[in-house]
């Protein structure tokens, strides 16, 4: 559907995938969330850009699910930090 060219807008909490299309309501913590050394949301879009093809409706839906999963993960991490003070994975 749209060619991914991700850019994060901190002020408006938007991930722009091209000049006209964006995902909104994505906090900086979610945008910057890493698994290992990979920034999840940025890497997912860049991997599709490397494939040099447009995003399908299914991929856009999948990306929204990833955003949701990362939000829920952050909530759980916050709860763990409250229950177990000074608990940090290294």
PDB file of N, CA and C in Angstrom:
ATOM      1  N   UNK A   1       0.825  -1.186   0.000  1.00  0.00           N
ATOM      2  CA  UNK A   1       0.000   0.000   0.000  1.00  0.00           C
ATOM      3  C   UNK A   1       0.871   1.253   0.000  1.00  0.00           C
ATOM      4  N   UNK A   2       1.798   1.374   0.944  1.00  0.00           N
ATOM      5  CA  UNK A   2       2.655   2.553   1.039  1.00  0.00           C
ATOM      6  C   UNK A   2       4.105   2.116   1.154  1.00  0.00           C
ATOM      7  N   UNK A   3       4.969   2.887   0.565  1.00  0.00           N
ATOM      8  CA  UNK A   3       6.395   2.590   0.668  1.00  0.00           C
ATOM      9  C   UNK A   3       6.921   3.087   2.005  1.00  0.00           C
ATOM     10  N   UNK A   4       7.490   2.212   2.808  1.00  0.00           N
ATOM     11  CA  UNK A   4       7.980   2.651   4.113  1.00  0.00           C
ATOM     12  C   UNK A   4       9.236   3.504   4.001  1.00  0.00           C
ATOM     13  N   UNK A   5       9.213   4.612   4.651  1.00  0.00           N
ATOM     14  CA  UNK A   5      10.363   5.504   4.789  1.00  0.00           C
ATOM     15  C   UNK A   5      10.228   6.138   6.162  1.00  0.00           C
ATOM     16  N   UNK A   6      10.503   5.377   7.233  1.00  0.00           N
ATOM     17  CA  UNK A   6      10.130   5.795   8.579  1.00  0.00           C
ATOM     18  C   UNK A   6      10.840   7.046   9.092  1.00  0.00           C
ATOM     19  N   UNK A   7      10.070   7.867   9.757  1.00  0.00           N
ATOM     20  CA  UNK A   7      10.602   9.037  10.452  1.00  0.00           C
ATOM     21  C   UNK A   7       9.719   9.250  11.673  1.00  0.00           C
ATOM     22  N   UNK A   8      10.336   9.375  12.855  1.00  0.00           N
ATOM     23  CA  UNK A   8       9.570   9.555  14.081  1.00  0.00           C
ATOM     24  C   UNK A   8       9.435  11.036  14.403  1.00  0.00           C
ATOM     25  N   UNK A   9       8.198  11.461  14.682  1.00  0.00           N
ATOM     26  CA  UNK A   9       7.881  12.837  15.078  1.00  0.00           C
ATOM     27  C   UNK A   9       7.612  12.826  16.577  1.00  0.00           C
ATOM     28  N   UNK A  10       8.608  13.225  17.359  1.00  0.00           N
ATOM     29  CA  UNK A  10       8.535  13.196  18.818  1.00  0.00           C
ATOM     30  C   UNK A  10       7.414  14.081  19.351  1.00  0.00           C
ATOM     31  N   UNK A  11       7.280  15.276  18.820  1.00  0.00           N
ATOM     32  CA  UNK A  11       6.285  16.232  19.311  1.00  0.00           C
ATOM     33  C   UNK A  11       4.863  15.699  19.186  1.00  0.00           C
ATOM     34  N   UNK A  12       4.556  15.076  18.058  1.00  0.00           N
ATOM     35  CA  UNK A  12       3.197  14.595  17.796  1.00  0.00           C
ATOM     36  C   UNK A  12       3.032  13.094  17.987  1.00  0.00           C
ATOM     37  N   UNK A  13       4.108  12.418  18.395  1.00  0.00           N
ATOM     38  CA  UNK A  13       4.102  10.963  18.613  1.00  0.00           C
ATOM     39  C   UNK A  13       3.570  10.215  17.391  1.00  0.00           C
ATOM     40  N   UNK A  14       4.179  10.508  16.246  1.00  0.00           N
ATOM     41  CA  UNK A  14       3.783   9.873  14.990  1.00  0.00           C
ATOM     42  C   UNK A  14       4.985   9.205  14.337  1.00  0.00           C
ATOM     43  N   UNK A  15       4.720   8.079  13.692  1.00  0.00           N
ATOM     44  CA  UNK A  15       5.716   7.431  12.854  1.00  0.00           C
ATOM     45  C   UNK A  15       5.256   7.639  11.418  1.00  0.00           C
ATOM     46  N   UNK A  16       5.991   8.448  10.697  1.00  0.00           N
ATOM     47  CA  UNK A  16       5.669   8.714   9.300  1.00  0.00           C
ATOM     48  C   UNK A  16       6.286   7.624   8.437  1.00  0.00           C
ATOM     49  N   UNK A  17       5.475   7.018   7.563  1.00  0.00           N
ATOM     50  CA  UNK A  17       6.007   5.998   6.663  1.00  0.00           C
ATOM     51  C   UNK A  17       6.181   6.537   5.245  1.00  0.00           C
ATOM     52  N   UNK A  18       5.596   7.698   4.986  1.00  0.00           N
ATOM     53  CA  UNK A  18       5.841   8.444   3.754  1.00  0.00           C
ATOM     54  C   UNK A  18       5.315   9.856   3.970  1.00  0.00           C
ATOM     55  N   UNK A  19       5.211  10.652   2.920  1.00  0.00           N
ATOM     56  CA  UNK A  19       4.800  12.052   3.080  1.00  0.00           C
ATOM     57  C   UNK A  19       3.361  12.209   3.557  1.00  0.00           C
ATOM     58  N   UNK A  20       2.527  11.209   3.340  1.00  0.00           N
ATOM     59  CA  UNK A  20       1.101  11.324   3.637  1.00  0.00           C
ATOM     60  C   UNK A  20       0.575  10.396   4.723  1.00  0.00           C
ATOM     61  N   UNK A  21       1.295   9.348   5.037  1.00  0.00           N
ATOM     62  CA  UNK A  21       0.759   8.311   5.931  1.00  0.00           C
ATOM     63  C   UNK A  21       1.621   8.138   7.180  1.00  0.00           C
ATOM     64  N   UNK A  22       0.935   7.909   8.289  1.00  0.00           N
ATOM     65  CA  UNK A  22       1.636   7.772   9.564  1.00  0.00           C
ATOM     66  C   UNK A  22       0.825   6.926  10.534  1.00  0.00           C
ATOM     67  N   UNK A  23       1.537   6.456  11.568  1.00  0.00           N
ATOM     68  CA  UNK A  23       0.919   5.806  12.716  1.00  0.00           C
ATOM     69  C   UNK A  23       0.993   6.817  13.842  1.00  0.00           C
ATOM     70  N   UNK A  24      -0.090   7.003  14.560  1.00  0.00           N
ATOM     71  CA  UNK A  24      -0.132   8.017  15.607  1.00  0.00           C
ATOM     72  C   UNK A  24      -0.241   7.377  16.988  1.00  0.00           C
ATOM     73  N   UNK A  25       0.060   8.170  18.009  1.00  0.00           N
ATOM     74  CA  UNK A  25      -0.063   7.688  19.381  1.00  0.00           C
ATOM     75  C   UNK A  25       1.048   6.750  19.805  1.00  0.00           C
ATOM     76  N   UNK A  26       2.222   6.900  19.197  1.00  0.00           N
ATOM     77  CA  UNK A  26       3.355   6.039  19.527  1.00  0.00           C
ATOM     78  C   UNK A  26       4.346   6.864  20.350  1.00  0.00           C
ATOM     79  N   UNK A  27       4.437   6.554  21.633  1.00  0.00           N
ATOM     80  CA  UNK A  27       5.333   7.311  22.513  1.00  0.00           C
ATOM     81  C   UNK A  27       6.791   7.066  22.135  1.00  0.00           C
ATOM     82  N   UNK A  28       7.640   7.953  22.585  1.00  0.00           N
ATOM     83  CA  UNK A  28       9.070   7.819  22.326  1.00  0.00           C
ATOM     84  C   UNK A  28       9.607   6.513  22.915  1.00  0.00           C
ATOM     85  N   UNK A  29       9.117   6.132  24.098  1.00  0.00           N
ATOM     86  CA  UNK A  29       9.584   4.883  24.718  1.00  0.00           C
ATOM     87  C   UNK A  29       9.252   3.671  23.855  1.00  0.00           C
ATOM     88  N   UNK A  30       8.091   3.697  23.221  1.00  0.00           N
ATOM     89  CA  UNK A  30       7.709   2.585  22.347  1.00  0.00           C
ATOM     90  C   UNK A  30       8.531   2.634  21.062  1.00  0.00           C
ATOM     91  N   UNK A  31       8.682   3.807  20.469  1.00  0.00           N
ATOM     92  CA  UNK A  31       9.479   3.957  19.251  1.00  0.00           C
ATOM     93  C   UNK A  31      10.916   3.490  19.483  1.00  0.00           C
ATOM     94  N   UNK A  32      11.485   3.799  20.639  1.00  0.00           N
ATOM     95  CA  UNK A  32      12.882   3.472  20.917  1.00  0.00           C
ATOM     96  C   UNK A  32      13.075   2.094  21.553  1.00  0.00           C
ATOM     97  N   UNK A  33      11.994   1.352  21.785  1.00  0.00           N
ATOM     98  CA  UNK A  33      12.075   0.042  22.435  1.00  0.00           C
ATOM     99  C   UNK A  33      12.990  -0.880  21.632  1.00  0.00           C
ATOM    100  N   UNK A  34      13.920  -1.510  22.343  1.00  0.00           N
ATOM    101  CA  UNK A  34      14.872  -2.406  21.688  1.00  0.00           C
ATOM    102  C   UNK A  34      14.740  -3.825  22.212  1.00  0.00           C
ATOM    103  N   UNK A  35      14.960  -4.748  21.318  1.00  0.00           N
ATOM    104  CA  UNK A  35      15.137  -6.153  21.664  1.00  0.00           C
ATOM    105  C   UNK A  35      16.533  -6.484  21.162  1.00  0.00           C
ATOM    106  N   UNK A  36      17.397  -6.822  22.093  1.00  0.00           N
ATOM    107  CA  UNK A  36      18.807  -6.950  21.733  1.00  0.00           C
ATOM    108  C   UNK A  36      19.314  -5.579  21.332  1.00  0.00           C
ATOM    109  N   UNK A  37      19.929  -5.488  20.189  1.00  0.00           N
ATOM    110  CA  UNK A  37      20.435  -4.195  19.720  1.00  0.00           C
ATOM    111  C   UNK A  37      19.516  -3.550  18.687  1.00  0.00           C
ATOM    112  N   UNK A  38      18.350  -4.174  18.440  1.00  0.00           N
ATOM    113  CA  UNK A  38      17.462  -3.684  17.391  1.00  0.00           C
ATOM    114  C   UNK A  38      16.332  -2.828  17.936  1.00  0.00           C
ATOM    115  N   UNK A  39      16.161  -1.664  17.354  1.00  0.00           N
ATOM    116  CA  UNK A  39      15.013  -0.813  17.641  1.00  0.00           C
ATOM    117  C   UNK A  39      13.862  -1.392  16.821  1.00  0.00           C
ATOM    118  N   UNK A  40      12.940  -2.060  17.484  1.00  0.00           N
ATOM    119  CA  UNK A  40      11.946  -2.929  16.858  1.00  0.00           C
ATOM    120  C   UNK A  40      11.153  -2.245  15.742  1.00  0.00           C
ATOM    121  N   UNK A  41      10.497  -1.130  16.047  1.00  0.00           N
ATOM    122  CA  UNK A  41       9.605  -0.509  15.066  1.00  0.00           C
ATOM    123  C   UNK A  41      10.364   0.039  13.863  1.00  0.00           C
ATOM    124  N   UNK A  42      11.497   0.659  14.103  1.00  0.00           N
ATOM    125  CA  UNK A  42      12.310   1.197  13.018  1.00  0.00           C
ATOM    126  C   UNK A  42      12.836   0.067  12.140  1.00  0.00           C
ATOM    127  N   UNK A  43      13.359  -0.990  12.763  1.00  0.00           N
ATOM    128  CA  UNK A  43      13.921  -2.111  12.006  1.00  0.00           C
ATOM    129  C   UNK A  43      12.866  -2.797  11.153  1.00  0.00           C
ATOM    130  N   UNK A  44      11.673  -2.984  11.699  1.00  0.00           N
ATOM    131  CA  UNK A  44      10.603  -3.654  10.953  1.00  0.00           C
ATOM    132  C   UNK A  44      10.310  -2.889   9.664  1.00  0.00           C
ATOM    133  N   UNK A  45      10.189  -1.576   9.761  1.00  0.00           N
ATOM    134  CA  UNK A  45       9.909  -0.779   8.565  1.00  0.00           C
ATOM    135  C   UNK A  45      11.093  -0.759   7.603  1.00  0.00           C
ATOM    136  N   UNK A  46      12.293  -0.623   8.124  1.00  0.00           N
ATOM    137  CA  UNK A  46      13.473  -0.586   7.254  1.00  0.00           C
ATOM    138  C   UNK A  46      13.686  -1.907   6.531  1.00  0.00           C
ATOM    139  N   UNK A  47      13.364  -3.022   7.182  1.00  0.00           N
ATOM    140  CA  UNK A  47      13.472  -4.322   6.518  1.00  0.00           C
ATOM    141  C   UNK A  47      12.541  -4.395   5.316  1.00  0.00           C
ATOM    142  N   UNK A  48      11.369  -3.816   5.425  1.00  0.00           N
ATOM    143  CA  UNK A  48      10.436  -3.815   4.306  1.00  0.00           C
ATOM    144  C   UNK A  48      10.875  -2.841   3.222  1.00  0.00           C
ATOM    145  N   UNK A  49      11.505  -1.763   3.634  1.00  0.00           N
ATOM    146  CA  UNK A  49      12.022  -0.802   2.655  1.00  0.00           C
ATOM    147  C   UNK A  49      13.128  -1.451   1.822  1.00  0.00           C
ATOM    148  N   UNK A  50      13.983  -2.246   2.476  1.00  0.00           N
ATOM    149  CA  UNK A  50      15.063  -2.939   1.765  1.00  0.00           C
ATOM    150  C   UNK A  50      14.507  -3.873   0.695  1.00  0.00           C
ATOM    151  N   UNK A  51      13.336  -4.434   0.965  1.00  0.00           N
ATOM    152  CA  UNK A  51      12.702  -5.332   0.002  1.00  0.00           C
ATOM    153  C   UNK A  51      12.160  -4.558  -1.195  1.00  0.00           C
ATOM    154  N   UNK A  52      12.159  -3.226  -1.093  1.00  0.00           N
ATOM    155  CA  UNK A  52      11.747  -2.339  -2.174  1.00  0.00           C
ATOM    156  C   UNK A  52      10.340  -2.659  -2.688  1.00  0.00           C
ATOM    157  N   UNK A  53       9.426  -2.748  -1.750  1.00  0.00           N
ATOM    158  CA  UNK A  53       8.030  -2.987  -2.125  1.00  0.00           C
ATOM    159  C   UNK A  53       7.123  -2.216  -1.186  1.00  0.00           C
ATOM    160  N   UNK A  54       5.890  -2.061  -1.584  1.00  0.00           N
ATOM    161  CA  UNK A  54       4.927  -1.321  -0.776  1.00  0.00           C
ATOM    162  C   UNK A  54       4.387  -2.193   0.348  1.00  0.00           C
ATOM    163  N   UNK A  55       3.957  -1.551   1.431  1.00  0.00           N
ATOM    164  CA  UNK A  55       3.328  -2.277   2.530  1.00  0.00           C
ATOM    165  C   UNK A  55       1.923  -2.694   2.129  1.00  0.00           C
ATOM    166  N   UNK A  56       1.581  -3.913   2.451  1.00  0.00           N
ATOM    167  CA  UNK A  56       0.222  -4.397   2.202  1.00  0.00           C
ATOM    168  C   UNK A  56      -0.666  -4.015   3.383  1.00  0.00           C
ATOM    169  N   UNK A  57      -1.966  -4.132   3.196  1.00  0.00           N
ATOM    170  CA  UNK A  57      -2.891  -3.883   4.305  1.00  0.00           C
ATOM    171  C   UNK A  57      -2.595  -4.829   5.467  1.00  0.00           C
ATOM    172  N   UNK A  58      -2.264  -6.072   5.142  1.00  0.00           N
ATOM    173  CA  UNK A  58      -1.951  -7.064   6.178  1.00  0.00           C
ATOM    174  C   UNK A  58      -0.706  -6.653   6.971  1.00  0.00           C
ATOM    175  N   UNK A  59       0.303  -6.132   6.288  1.00  0.00           N
ATOM    176  CA  UNK A  59       1.517  -5.697   6.980  1.00  0.00           C
ATOM    177  C   UNK A  59       1.251  -4.480   7.862  1.00  0.00           C
ATOM    178  N   UNK A  60       0.415  -3.574   7.402  1.00  0.00           N
ATOM    179  CA  UNK A  60       0.048  -2.412   8.209  1.00  0.00           C
ATOM    180  C   UNK A  60      -0.676  -2.870   9.468  1.00  0.00           C
ATOM    181  N   UNK A  61      -1.568  -3.832   9.322  1.00  0.00           N
ATOM    182  CA  UNK A  61      -2.270  -4.397  10.477  1.00  0.00           C
ATOM    183  C   UNK A  61      -1.279  -5.082  11.425  1.00  0.00           C
ATOM    184  N   UNK A  62      -0.331  -5.811  10.862  1.00  0.00           N
ATOM    185  CA  UNK A  62       0.686  -6.483  11.683  1.00  0.00           C
ATOM    186  C   UNK A  62       1.513  -5.453  12.457  1.00  0.00           C
ATOM    187  N   UNK A  63       1.873  -4.357  11.818  1.00  0.00           N
ATOM    188  CA  UNK A  63       2.663  -3.308  12.474  1.00  0.00           C
ATOM    189  C   UNK A  63       1.889  -2.713  13.645  1.00  0.00           C
ATOM    190  N   UNK A  64       0.599  -2.498  13.460  1.00  0.00           N
ATOM    191  CA  UNK A  64      -0.239  -1.988  14.550  1.00  0.00           C
ATOM    192  C   UNK A  64      -0.259  -2.968  15.716  1.00  0.00           C
ATOM    193  N   UNK A  65      -0.276  -4.256  15.421  1.00  0.00           N
ATOM    194  CA  UNK A  65      -0.240  -5.273  16.472  1.00  0.00           C
ATOM    195  C   UNK A  65       1.103  -5.267  17.204  1.00  0.00           C
ATOM    196  N   UNK A  66       2.180  -5.025  16.477  1.00  0.00           N
ATOM    197  CA  UNK A  66       3.501  -4.942  17.106  1.00  0.00           C
ATOM    198  C   UNK A  66       3.547  -3.748  18.052  1.00  0.00           C
ATOM    199  N   UNK A  67       3.011  -2.614  17.620  1.00  0.00           N
ATOM    200  CA  UNK A  67       2.950  -1.424  18.479  1.00  0.00           C
ATOM    201  C   UNK A  67       2.183  -1.751  19.754  1.00  0.00           C
ATOM    202  N   UNK A  68       1.035  -2.408  19.613  1.00  0.00           N
ATOM    203  CA  UNK A  68       0.226  -2.793  20.775  1.00  0.00           C
ATOM    204  C   UNK A  68       1.020  -3.726  21.699  1.00  0.00           C
ATOM    205  N   UNK A  69       1.688  -4.718  21.116  1.00  0.00           N
ATOM    206  CA  UNK A  69       2.462  -5.675  21.917  1.00  0.00           C
ATOM    207  C   UNK A  69       3.590  -4.977  22.678  1.00  0.00           C
ATOM    208  N   UNK A  70       4.236  -4.020  22.054  1.00  0.00           N
ATOM    209  CA  UNK A  70       5.308  -3.287  22.737  1.00  0.00           C
ATOM    210  C   UNK A  70       4.755  -2.436  23.871  1.00  0.00           C
ATOM    211  N   UNK A  71       3.587  -1.834  23.669  1.00  0.00           N
ATOM    212  CA  UNK A  71       2.954  -1.059  24.756  1.00  0.00           C
ATOM    213  C   UNK A  71       2.661  -1.957  25.949  1.00  0.00           C
ATOM    214  N   UNK A  72       2.094  -3.114  25.686  1.00  0.00           N
ATOM    215  CA  UNK A  72       1.766  -4.047  26.761  1.00  0.00           C
ATOM    216  C   UNK A  72       3.034  -4.545  27.451  1.00  0.00           C
ATOM    217  N   UNK A  73       4.079  -4.783  26.685  1.00  0.00           N
ATOM    218  CA  UNK A  73       5.356  -5.206  27.251  1.00  0.00           C
ATOM    219  C   UNK A  73       5.905  -4.143  28.192  1.00  0.00           C
ATOM    220  N   UNK A  74       5.849  -2.875  27.782  1.00  0.00           N
ATOM    221  CA  UNK A  74       6.314  -1.771  28.646  1.00  0.00           C
ATOM    222  C   UNK A  74       5.505  -1.720  29.941  1.00  0.00           C
ATOM    223  N   UNK A  75       4.192  -1.930  29.846  1.00  0.00           N
ATOM    224  CA  UNK A  75       3.353  -1.936  31.054  1.00  0.00           C
ATOM    225  C   UNK A  75       3.798  -3.037  32.006  1.00  0.00           C
ATOM    226  N   UNK A  76       4.037  -4.225  31.459  1.00  0.00           N
ATOM    227  CA  UNK A  76       4.482  -5.345  32.293  1.00  0.00           C
ATOM    228  C   UNK A  76       5.854  -5.074  32.898  1.00  0.00           C
ATOM    229  N   UNK A  77       6.740  -4.476  32.135  1.00  0.00           N
ATOM    230  CA  UNK A  77       8.067  -4.145  32.658  1.00  0.00           C
ATOM    231  C   UNK A  77       7.961  -3.154  33.816  1.00  0.00           C
ATOM    232  N   UNK A  78       7.058  -2.204  33.703  1.00  0.00           N
ATOM    233  CA  UNK A  78       6.841  -1.231  34.780  1.00  0.00           C
ATOM    234  C   UNK A  78       6.330  -1.929  36.031  1.00  0.00           C
ATOM    235  N   UNK A  79       5.393  -2.870  35.861  1.00  0.00           N
ATOM    236  CA  UNK A  79       4.867  -3.616  37.008  1.00  0.00           C
ATOM    237  C   UNK A  79       5.962  -4.440  37.678  1.00  0.00           C
ATOM    238  N   UNK A  80       6.791  -5.074  36.871  1.00  0.00           N
ATOM    239  CA  UNK A  80       7.895  -5.865  37.424  1.00  0.00           C
ATOM    240  C   UNK A  80       8.823  -4.967  38.235  1.00  0.00           C
ATOM    241  N   UNK A  81       9.132  -3.798  37.686  1.00  0.00           N
ATOM    242  CA  UNK A  81      10.007  -2.859  38.405  1.00  0.00           C
ATOM    243  C   UNK A  81       9.394  -2.406  39.725  1.00  0.00           C
ATOM    244  N   UNK A  82       8.076  -2.313  39.791  1.00  0.00           N
ATOM    245  CA  UNK A  82       7.402  -1.923  41.032  1.00  0.00           C
ATOM    246  C   UNK A  82       7.425  -3.059  42.054  1.00  0.00           C
ATOM    247  N   UNK A  83       7.258  -4.276  41.577  1.00  0.00           N
ATOM    248  CA  UNK A  83       7.220  -5.441  42.464  1.00  0.00           C
ATOM    249  C   UNK A  83       8.620  -5.815  42.943  1.00  0.00           C
ATOM    250  N   UNK A  84       9.580  -5.746  42.051  1.00  0.00           N
ATOM    251  CA  UNK A  84      10.955  -6.124  42.369  1.00  0.00           C
ATOM    252  C   UNK A  84      11.844  -4.897  42.155  1.00  0.00           C
ATOM    253  N   UNK A  85      12.011  -4.083  43.197  1.00  0.00           N
ATOM    254  CA  UNK A  85      12.858  -2.888  43.051  1.00  0.00           C
ATOM    255  C   UNK A  85      14.278  -3.254  42.608  1.00  0.00           C
ATOM    256  N   UNK A  86      14.836  -2.403  41.802  1.00  0.00           N
ATOM    257  CA  UNK A  86      16.210  -2.569  41.306  1.00  0.00           C
ATOM    258  C   UNK A  86      16.408  -3.830  40.475  1.00  0.00           C
ATOM    259  N   UNK A  87      15.336  -4.332  39.871  1.00  0.00           N
ATOM    260  CA  UNK A  87      15.433  -5.502  39.009  1.00  0.00           C
ATOM    261  C   UNK A  87      15.759  -5.020  37.596  1.00  0.00           C
ATOM    262  N   UNK A  88      16.926  -5.366  37.126  1.00  0.00           N
ATOM    263  CA  UNK A  88      17.333  -4.957  35.781  1.00  0.00           C
ATOM    264  C   UNK A  88      17.967  -6.148  35.083  1.00  0.00           C
ATOM    265  N   UNK A  89      17.553  -6.362  33.856  1.00  0.00           N
ATOM    266  CA  UNK A  89      18.187  -7.403  33.048  1.00  0.00           C
ATOM    267  C   UNK A  89      19.397  -6.790  32.363  1.00  0.00           C
ATOM    268  N   UNK A  90      20.436  -7.508  32.326  1.00  0.00           N
ATOM    269  CA  UNK A  90      21.657  -7.007  31.662  1.00  0.00           C
ATOM    270  C   UNK A  90      22.003  -7.900  30.513  1.00  0.00           C
TER     271      UNK A  90
END
